């Protein structure tokens, strides 16, 4: 029975890995195809990587995407931390349940609804769609994720540490920055990285709130895929996968080294 379950577990694991990573492997494989037809293999070539590096449209869209992600994730982190502090410190105030629900509502709302709502808001206020509107939309979406992550850390925070700082003469603001923030900093960083990744990957919100000159990289790829998959898209996807893989490996190695150092010190 246990052997059957073990084989079933291995089969489920292999099936899950194949289901997740086989499409990515196909994209990587065909990124080195020398043919203009993505499904017709004509030999190994770096032709499309060279073409990608000379394509100014992709580089411009990538730079705009990075700027939007940095701006929106910074705003989302600030607002998310403040919302989390309000929910964790102020246990009772009028409308707390409503505020808590609204703080996490974008997580459960379809992005189409959020994007359409923001579009109607910008039109009603007479705000031209562009860089600012995309940043606001991305910050609105990712702020709730930061709030949830930081709230989970603050629920385990010992308030006596902050009270001790207050007894030593620190102001409430000083106590927060000197006593509370260093403790919850890992959660704040995690929220920032999560908001940054959500902004990089956002397509629906960007399509509703973007304007001339603010085409993000997902929008650029989507608009070209509708006319047919170009080989440069395979090369671009491969580079993105490579960057993400390197980042994950570096974080994993750093985490293991820190865990080993803690074990040795104890």
Protein backbone atom coordinates (compact mmCIF):
# COMPACT_ATOMS: atom_id res chain seq x y z
CA UNK A 1 0.00 0.00 0.00
CA UNK A 2 2.76 2.39 0.93
CA UNK A 3 4.69 1.44 -2.21
CA UNK A 4 1.59 2.18 -4.31
CA UNK A 5 1.16 5.52 -2.64
CA UNK A 6 4.83 6.34 -3.13
CA UNK A 7 4.65 5.55 -6.84
CA UNK A 8 1.45 7.56 -7.12
CA UNK A 9 3.14 10.48 -5.39
CA UNK A 10 6.13 10.33 -7.73
CA UNK A 11 3.85 10.13 -10.75
CA UNK A 12 1.83 13.11 -9.54
CA UNK A 13 5.02 15.08 -8.91
CA UNK A 14 6.45 14.33 -12.35
CA UNK A 15 3.13 15.11 -14.03
CA UNK A 16 2.90 18.44 -12.23
CA UNK A 17 6.46 19.40 -13.17
CA UNK A 18 5.90 18.44 -16.81
CA UNK A 19 2.62 20.35 -16.90
CA UNK A 20 4.25 23.48 -15.49
CA UNK A 21 7.61 23.52 -17.22
CA UNK A 22 7.17 21.74 -20.54
CA UNK A 23 5.70 24.86 -22.26
CA UNK A 24 8.60 26.93 -20.92
CA UNK A 25 11.11 24.39 -22.23
CA UNK A 26 9.43 24.49 -25.65
CA UNK A 27 9.75 28.28 -25.75
CA UNK A 28 13.42 28.08 -24.75
CA UNK A 29 14.08 25.38 -27.36
CA UNK A 30 12.53 27.33 -30.22
CA UNK A 31 14.27 30.55 -29.19
CA UNK A 32 17.44 29.03 -30.73
CA UNK A 33 15.66 28.12 -33.97
CA UNK A 34 17.11 29.74 -37.06
CA UNK A 35 13.86 29.60 -39.01
CA UNK A 36 11.31 32.39 -39.17
CA UNK A 37 8.60 29.78 -38.61
CA UNK A 38 8.52 29.04 -34.90
CA UNK A 39 7.35 25.42 -35.30
CA UNK A 40 9.78 24.50 -38.08
CA UNK A 41 13.25 23.66 -36.83
CA UNK A 42 16.03 24.64 -39.24
CA UNK A 43 19.08 24.47 -37.00
CA UNK A 44 20.66 26.10 -33.98
CA UNK A 45 21.07 29.87 -34.25
CA UNK A 46 21.36 33.01 -32.12
CA UNK A 47 19.75 35.04 -34.85
CA UNK A 48 16.71 36.10 -32.87
CA UNK A 49 18.74 37.12 -29.84
CA UNK A 50 20.76 39.46 -32.01
CA UNK A 51 17.53 40.76 -33.53
CA UNK A 52 16.06 41.25 -30.06
CA UNK A 53 18.99 43.36 -28.88
CA UNK A 54 18.54 45.65 -31.88
CA UNK A 55 14.77 45.98 -31.37
CA UNK A 56 14.24 49.38 -29.73
CA UNK A 57 10.54 48.77 -29.14
CA UNK A 58 11.18 45.96 -26.66
CA UNK A 59 13.88 47.86 -24.80
CA UNK A 60 11.70 50.96 -24.55
CA UNK A 61 8.74 48.93 -23.28
CA UNK A 62 10.97 47.12 -20.80
CA UNK A 63 12.34 50.38 -19.41
CA UNK A 64 8.84 51.82 -19.02
CA UNK A 65 7.73 48.61 -17.27
CA UNK A 66 10.61 48.83 -14.80
CA UNK A 67 9.89 52.47 -14.00
CA UNK A 68 6.20 51.77 -13.45
CA UNK A 69 6.98 48.72 -11.30
CA UNK A 70 9.42 50.65 -9.09
CA UNK A 71 7.07 53.60 -8.62
CA UNK A 72 3.92 51.54 -8.02
CA UNK A 73 5.59 49.03 -5.67
CA UNK A 74 7.06 51.86 -3.59
CA UNK A 75 3.66 53.55 -3.26
CA UNK A 76 1.96 50.21 -2.58
CA UNK A 77 4.49 49.35 0.13
CA UNK A 78 4.01 52.67 1.92
CA UNK A 79 0.21 52.49 1.78
CA UNK A 80 0.15 48.77 2.62
CA UNK A 81 2.34 49.23 5.70
CA UNK A 82 0.19 52.09 6.94
CA UNK A 83 -3.00 50.10 6.39
CA UNK A 84 -1.52 47.08 8.18
CA UNK A 85 -0.45 49.21 11.13
CA UNK A 86 -3.91 50.75 11.37
CA UNK A 87 -5.60 47.35 11.34
CA UNK A 88 -3.21 45.78 13.86
CA UNK A 89 -2.97 48.70 16.31
CA UNK A 90 -6.46 50.14 16.21
CA UNK A 91 -8.55 47.16 17.20
CA UNK A 92 -11.76 49.13 17.59
CA UNK A 93 -12.83 52.11 15.54
CA UNK A 94 -15.99 52.85 13.54
CA UNK A 95 -15.93 51.13 10.19
CA UNK A 96 -12.97 48.86 10.95
CA UNK A 97 -14.58 45.82 9.33
CA UNK A 98 -15.45 47.84 6.24
CA UNK A 99 -11.91 49.24 6.07
CA UNK A 100 -10.39 45.75 6.42
CA UNK A 101 -12.63 44.45 3.65
CA UNK A 102 -11.83 47.32 1.32
CA UNK A 103 -8.10 46.93 1.99
CA UNK A 104 -8.10 43.40 0.57
CA UNK A 105 -10.95 43.73 -1.94
CA UNK A 106 -8.68 44.06 -5.02
CA UNK A 107 -7.30 40.59 -4.26
CA UNK A 108 -10.67 38.94 -4.93
CA UNK A 109 -12.07 41.30 -7.54
CA UNK A 110 -11.46 40.38 -11.19
CA UNK A 111 -8.86 42.62 -12.77
CA UNK A 112 -11.32 43.50 -15.51
CA UNK A 113 -13.66 45.05 -12.93
CA UNK A 114 -10.81 46.92 -11.23
CA UNK A 115 -9.44 48.16 -14.53
CA UNK A 116 -12.82 49.32 -15.80
CA UNK A 117 -13.57 51.07 -12.49
CA UNK A 118 -10.26 52.92 -12.56
CA UNK A 119 -10.77 53.85 -16.20
CA UNK A 120 -14.18 55.37 -15.44
CA UNK A 121 -12.70 57.21 -12.45
CA UNK A 122 -9.90 58.73 -14.52
CA UNK A 123 -12.34 59.75 -17.25
CA UNK A 124 -14.70 61.33 -14.70
CA UNK A 125 -11.83 63.28 -13.12
CA UNK A 126 -10.48 64.35 -16.49
CA UNK A 127 -7.08 62.69 -15.97
CA UNK A 128 -5.27 61.82 -19.17
CA UNK A 129 -4.21 58.19 -19.30
CA UNK A 130 -0.48 57.68 -19.18
CA UNK A 131 2.36 56.88 -16.80
CA UNK A 132 0.59 58.26 -13.72
CA UNK A 133 -2.65 56.36 -14.26
CA UNK A 134 -0.82 53.06 -14.77
CA UNK A 135 1.19 53.61 -11.58
CA UNK A 136 -1.99 54.35 -9.61
CA UNK A 137 -3.69 51.25 -11.01
CA UNK A 138 -0.78 48.95 -10.20
CA UNK A 139 -0.36 50.44 -6.71
CA UNK A 140 -4.07 49.97 -6.03
CA UNK A 141 -3.87 46.31 -6.98
CA UNK A 142 -0.64 45.41 -5.16
CA UNK A 143 -1.25 47.46 -2.00
CA UNK A 144 -3.61 44.81 -0.61
CA UNK A 145 -0.94 42.10 -0.95
CA UNK A 146 1.52 44.22 1.02
CA UNK A 147 -1.14 44.85 3.65
CA UNK A 148 -1.81 41.14 4.11
CA UNK A 149 1.88 40.22 4.34
CA UNK A 150 2.75 42.97 6.83
CA UNK A 151 -0.42 42.36 8.88
CA UNK A 152 0.58 38.73 9.33
CA UNK A 153 3.96 39.84 10.72
CA UNK A 154 2.48 42.53 12.94
CA UNK A 155 0.07 40.01 14.47
CA UNK A 156 3.12 38.31 16.02
CA UNK A 157 4.89 41.53 17.01
CA UNK A 158 5.44 42.14 20.72
CA UNK A 159 4.12 45.63 21.48
CA UNK A 160 6.17 45.80 24.68
CA UNK A 161 9.23 46.48 22.53
CA UNK A 162 7.66 49.65 21.20
CA UNK A 163 6.38 50.56 24.65
CA UNK A 164 9.92 50.22 26.00
CA UNK A 165 11.15 52.62 23.35
CA UNK A 166 8.43 55.07 24.34
CA UNK A 167 9.45 54.78 28.01
CA UNK A 168 13.01 55.64 27.03
CA UNK A 169 11.83 58.95 25.55
CA UNK A 170 11.18 58.09 21.91
CA UNK A 171 8.29 59.72 20.11
CA UNK A 172 5.66 57.46 18.48
CA UNK A 173 7.30 57.99 15.10
CA UNK A 174 10.78 57.30 16.46
CA UNK A 175 9.53 54.20 18.25
CA UNK A 176 8.07 52.88 15.02
CA UNK A 177 11.20 53.45 12.94
CA UNK A 178 13.66 52.32 15.64
CA UNK A 179 11.77 49.46 17.29
CA UNK A 180 8.96 48.23 15.05
CA UNK A 181 10.25 48.70 11.52
CA UNK A 182 13.49 46.67 11.95
CA UNK A 183 11.44 43.71 13.21
CA UNK A 184 8.88 43.78 10.40
CA UNK A 185 11.41 44.72 7.70
CA UNK A 186 11.54 41.19 6.18
CA UNK A 187 7.77 41.34 5.69
CA UNK A 188 8.02 44.84 4.21
CA UNK A 189 10.70 43.69 1.77
CA UNK A 190 8.63 40.63 0.86
CA UNK A 191 5.61 42.85 0.22
CA UNK A 192 7.69 45.17 -1.95
CA UNK A 193 9.04 42.28 -4.04
CA UNK A 194 5.54 40.84 -4.40
CA UNK A 195 4.14 44.20 -5.49
CA UNK A 196 7.04 44.65 -7.92
CA UNK A 197 6.43 41.25 -9.52
CA UNK A 198 2.68 41.87 -9.77
CA UNK A 199 3.31 45.17 -11.54
CA UNK A 200 5.76 43.57 -13.98
CA UNK A 201 3.19 40.94 -14.92
CA UNK A 202 0.08 43.15 -15.04
CA UNK A 203 -1.62 43.12 -18.43
CA UNK A 204 -5.32 43.75 -17.82
CA UNK A 205 -4.91 46.82 -15.61
CA UNK A 206 -2.31 48.28 -17.95
CA UNK A 207 -4.56 47.80 -20.97
CA UNK A 208 -7.35 49.82 -19.30
CA UNK A 209 -5.22 52.64 -17.90
CA UNK A 210 -2.34 53.06 -20.34
CA UNK A 211 -1.98 55.90 -22.81
CA UNK A 212 0.27 57.00 -25.66
CA UNK A 213 3.93 56.47 -24.92
CA UNK A 214 3.41 54.19 -21.91
CA UNK A 215 3.22 50.76 -23.53
CA UNK A 216 4.49 48.20 -21.06
CA UNK A 217 6.33 45.04 -22.02
CA UNK A 218 3.34 42.68 -21.43
CA UNK A 219 1.19 44.95 -23.60
CA UNK A 220 3.86 45.01 -26.30
CA UNK A 221 4.12 41.22 -26.31
CA UNK A 222 0.34 40.75 -26.29
CA UNK A 223 -0.21 43.18 -29.15
CA UNK A 224 2.37 41.38 -31.29
CA UNK A 225 1.13 37.89 -30.40
CA UNK A 226 -2.31 38.81 -31.75
CA UNK A 227 -0.69 39.26 -35.17
CA UNK A 228 1.36 36.09 -34.82
CA UNK A 229 4.16 34.88 -32.57
CA UNK A 230 7.46 36.36 -33.67
CA UNK A 231 10.70 34.47 -32.94
CA UNK A 232 12.00 37.47 -30.97
CA UNK A 233 9.26 36.84 -28.39
CA UNK A 234 10.73 33.38 -27.72
CA UNK A 235 14.15 34.91 -27.18
CA UNK A 236 12.74 37.60 -24.90
CA UNK A 237 10.81 35.01 -22.87
CA UNK A 238 13.96 32.92 -22.51
CA UNK A 239 15.92 35.89 -21.17
CA UNK A 240 13.16 36.66 -18.65
CA UNK A 241 13.13 33.03 -17.48
CA UNK A 242 16.92 33.15 -17.15
CA UNK A 243 16.86 36.31 -15.03
CA UNK A 244 14.13 34.91 -12.77
CA UNK A 245 15.97 31.59 -12.39
CA UNK A 246 19.23 33.34 -11.44
CA UNK A 247 17.40 35.49 -8.88
CA UNK A 248 15.67 32.46 -7.34
CA UNK A 249 18.94 30.50 -7.14
CA UNK A 250 20.77 33.42 -5.52
CA UNK A 251 18.00 33.91 -2.95
CA UNK A 252 17.96 30.17 -2.21
CA UNK A 253 21.73 30.06 -1.72
CA UNK A 254 21.62 33.14 0.51
CA UNK A 255 18.82 31.63 2.61
CA UNK A 256 20.74 28.37 3.05
CA UNK A 257 23.92 30.21 4.03
CA UNK A 258 22.06 32.30 6.59
CA UNK A 259 20.40 29.20 8.01
CA UNK A 260 23.78 27.45 8.26
CA UNK A 261 25.33 30.44 10.02
CA UNK A 262 22.48 30.52 12.54
CA UNK A 263 22.83 26.79 13.17
CA UNK A 264 26.59 27.14 13.72
CA UNK A 265 26.17 30.06 16.13
CA UNK A 266 23.67 28.10 18.20
